[in-house]
């Protein structure tokens, strides 16, 4: 899929998510809706969900896919690496990531994006896994980043 096509697809998903969540202020409902749209419309995704900060741990929130790790203790894992860097992280081959936490042993690639509130405080991570090597790229980072902006919570 070309970058132009992929970004156009993300734009359509963002429009759909924005329309669906517009009347609802409840953050969990908004995240759940976004996760459902992303999980069912993205190619090659095996797990889509959020981990939210709670008591200095990342605790699983809304997701779709196989049963997830419930708690990710710092500092291990792609999610913590993205959170610590305060920027998205793409891992083309999780077997090569020293800190990868294998919640699903079939996962081969991953993208994790920090989730901020409207004041710019980090509140969690959007995480997507794939059973395919190299499933995520810069266009995914850009498209998912735009969708995360729709989900920013009040301070």
Protein backbone atom coordinates (compact mmCIF):
# COMPACT_ATOMS: atom_id res chain seq x y z
CA UNK A 1 0.00 0.00 0.00
CA UNK A 2 1.46 3.35 -0.97
CA UNK A 3 2.05 6.02 1.65
CA UNK A 4 -0.54 8.25 0.02
CA UNK A 5 -3.15 5.49 0.15
CA UNK A 6 -2.28 4.52 3.71
CA UNK A 7 -2.44 8.12 4.97
CA UNK A 8 -5.75 8.63 3.15
CA UNK A 9 -7.07 5.52 4.89
CA UNK A 10 -5.98 6.91 8.25
CA UNK A 11 -7.69 10.20 7.42
CA UNK A 12 -10.93 8.34 6.73
CA UNK A 13 -10.59 6.40 10.00
CA UNK A 14 -9.90 9.65 11.89
CA UNK A 15 -13.02 11.20 10.39
CA UNK A 16 -15.09 8.16 11.35
CA UNK A 17 -13.70 8.07 14.89
CA UNK A 18 -14.22 11.81 15.34
CA UNK A 19 -17.85 11.49 14.29
CA UNK A 20 -18.47 8.49 16.55
CA UNK A 21 -16.87 9.96 19.68
CA UNK A 22 -18.01 13.56 19.28
CA UNK A 23 -21.15 13.26 21.46
CA UNK A 24 -19.35 11.34 24.24
CA UNK A 25 -16.98 12.88 26.78
CA UNK A 26 -16.21 9.62 28.65
CA UNK A 27 -12.53 8.86 27.89
CA UNK A 28 -12.86 5.08 28.15
CA UNK A 29 -15.75 5.01 25.66
CA UNK A 30 -13.78 7.24 23.28
CA UNK A 31 -10.67 5.01 23.50
CA UNK A 32 -12.74 1.84 23.10
CA UNK A 33 -14.37 3.17 19.96
CA UNK A 34 -11.05 4.21 18.44
CA UNK A 35 -9.50 0.82 19.25
CA UNK A 36 -12.43 -1.02 17.63
CA UNK A 37 -12.18 1.02 14.43
CA UNK A 38 -8.40 0.69 14.22
CA UNK A 39 -8.33 -3.03 15.01
CA UNK A 40 -10.88 -3.91 12.37
CA UNK A 41 -9.68 -1.58 9.63
CA UNK A 42 -5.89 -1.91 9.81
CA UNK A 43 -4.18 -4.67 7.85
CA UNK A 44 -2.07 -7.20 9.71
CA UNK A 45 -2.86 -6.00 13.24
CA UNK A 46 -3.18 -8.73 15.86
CA UNK A 47 -3.60 -6.58 18.99
CA UNK A 48 -4.72 -2.97 19.43
CA UNK A 49 -5.13 -1.24 22.75
CA UNK A 50 -4.13 1.18 25.44
CA UNK A 51 -2.00 0.85 28.52
CA UNK A 52 -2.68 3.66 30.99
CA UNK A 53 -0.39 4.91 33.74
CA UNK A 54 -1.52 3.87 37.21
CA UNK A 55 0.66 3.82 40.33
CA UNK A 56 3.86 3.99 38.27
CA UNK A 57 2.86 0.98 36.16
CA UNK A 58 1.18 0.65 32.77
CA UNK A 59 -2.14 -1.13 33.26
CA UNK A 60 -4.08 -2.58 30.35
CA UNK A 61 -7.12 -0.51 29.35
CA UNK A 62 -9.43 -1.06 26.39
CA UNK A 63 -8.11 -3.43 23.73
CA UNK A 64 -9.00 -5.90 21.01
CA UNK A 65 -7.09 -9.08 20.31
CA UNK A 66 -5.83 -11.95 22.46
CA UNK A 67 -5.64 -11.62 26.23
CA UNK A 68 -3.04 -9.01 27.13
CA UNK A 69 -0.46 -8.61 29.84
CA UNK A 70 -2.44 -6.87 32.58
CA UNK A 71 0.40 -4.82 34.07
CA UNK A 72 3.69 -3.69 32.53
CA UNK A 73 6.16 -2.77 35.24
CA UNK A 74 8.86 -0.27 34.38
CA UNK A 75 11.21 -0.14 32.58
CA UNK A 76 10.77 -3.21 30.34
CA UNK A 77 8.95 -3.30 27.05
CA UNK A 78 8.32 -1.30 23.93
CA UNK A 79 5.49 0.60 25.64
CA UNK A 80 7.79 1.81 28.42
CA UNK A 81 10.49 2.71 25.90
CA UNK A 82 8.01 4.88 23.97
CA UNK A 83 6.72 6.41 27.19
CA UNK A 84 10.22 7.17 28.49
CA UNK A 85 11.26 8.72 25.16
CA UNK A 86 7.95 10.63 24.90
CA UNK A 87 7.78 9.69 21.24
CA UNK A 88 6.42 6.87 19.10
CA UNK A 89 8.49 3.74 18.74
CA UNK A 90 8.33 1.30 15.83
CA UNK A 91 9.90 -2.13 16.26
CA UNK A 92 10.18 -4.01 12.97
CA UNK A 93 11.22 -7.27 14.67
CA UNK A 94 10.39 -7.67 18.35
CA UNK A 95 12.82 -10.59 18.61
CA UNK A 96 15.60 -8.02 18.14
CA UNK A 97 14.26 -5.69 20.88
CA UNK A 98 16.10 -6.50 24.09
CA UNK A 99 13.36 -5.10 26.29
CA UNK A 100 10.35 -6.61 24.46
CA UNK A 101 7.68 -8.12 26.72
CA UNK A 102 6.09 -11.09 24.94
CA UNK A 103 2.44 -10.91 25.95
CA UNK A 104 1.62 -12.76 22.70
CA UNK A 105 4.50 -15.01 21.58
CA UNK A 106 3.23 -14.79 17.99
CA UNK A 107 3.83 -11.01 17.84
CA UNK A 108 6.58 -10.08 15.36
CA UNK A 109 6.36 -6.28 15.11
CA UNK A 110 4.97 -3.47 17.25
CA UNK A 111 4.28 0.24 17.35
CA UNK A 112 3.75 2.16 20.59
CA UNK A 113 2.74 5.82 20.82
CA UNK A 114 2.62 7.91 24.00
CA UNK A 115 -0.87 9.17 24.86
CA UNK A 116 -1.06 12.69 26.31
CA UNK A 117 -3.81 14.76 27.90
CA UNK A 118 -4.62 18.28 26.69
CA UNK A 119 -2.01 19.76 29.06
CA UNK A 120 0.73 17.64 27.49
CA UNK A 121 1.03 15.21 30.42
CA UNK A 122 1.68 11.58 29.52
CA UNK A 123 -1.24 9.38 30.60
CA UNK A 124 -0.65 6.14 28.72
CA UNK A 125 0.40 4.40 25.52
CA UNK A 126 -1.43 3.25 22.39
CA UNK A 127 0.07 -0.11 21.42
CA UNK A 128 -0.42 -2.20 18.28
CA UNK A 129 1.10 -5.60 17.55
CA UNK A 130 1.30 -7.67 14.38
CA UNK A 131 2.14 -11.28 13.60
CA UNK A 132 4.01 -9.91 10.55
CA UNK A 133 7.58 -8.62 10.58
CA UNK A 134 7.88 -4.93 9.73
CA UNK A 135 4.13 -4.32 9.67
CA UNK A 136 4.38 -0.70 10.91
CA UNK A 137 6.08 2.32 9.37
CA UNK A 138 6.25 6.11 9.46
CA UNK A 139 2.81 6.43 7.87
CA UNK A 140 1.33 4.36 10.70
CA UNK A 141 3.11 6.60 13.20
CA UNK A 142 1.68 9.71 11.53
CA UNK A 143 -1.84 8.33 11.09
CA UNK A 144 -2.08 6.92 14.60
CA UNK A 145 -0.69 10.17 16.00
CA UNK A 146 -3.53 12.11 14.39
CA UNK A 147 -6.06 9.72 15.88
CA UNK A 148 -4.48 10.05 19.33
CA UNK A 149 -4.99 13.82 19.11
CA UNK A 150 -8.74 13.16 18.89
CA UNK A 151 -8.54 11.26 22.17
CA UNK A 152 -6.69 13.82 24.27
CA UNK A 153 -8.41 14.09 27.63
CA UNK A 154 -8.98 17.31 29.58
CA UNK A 155 -6.41 18.10 32.28
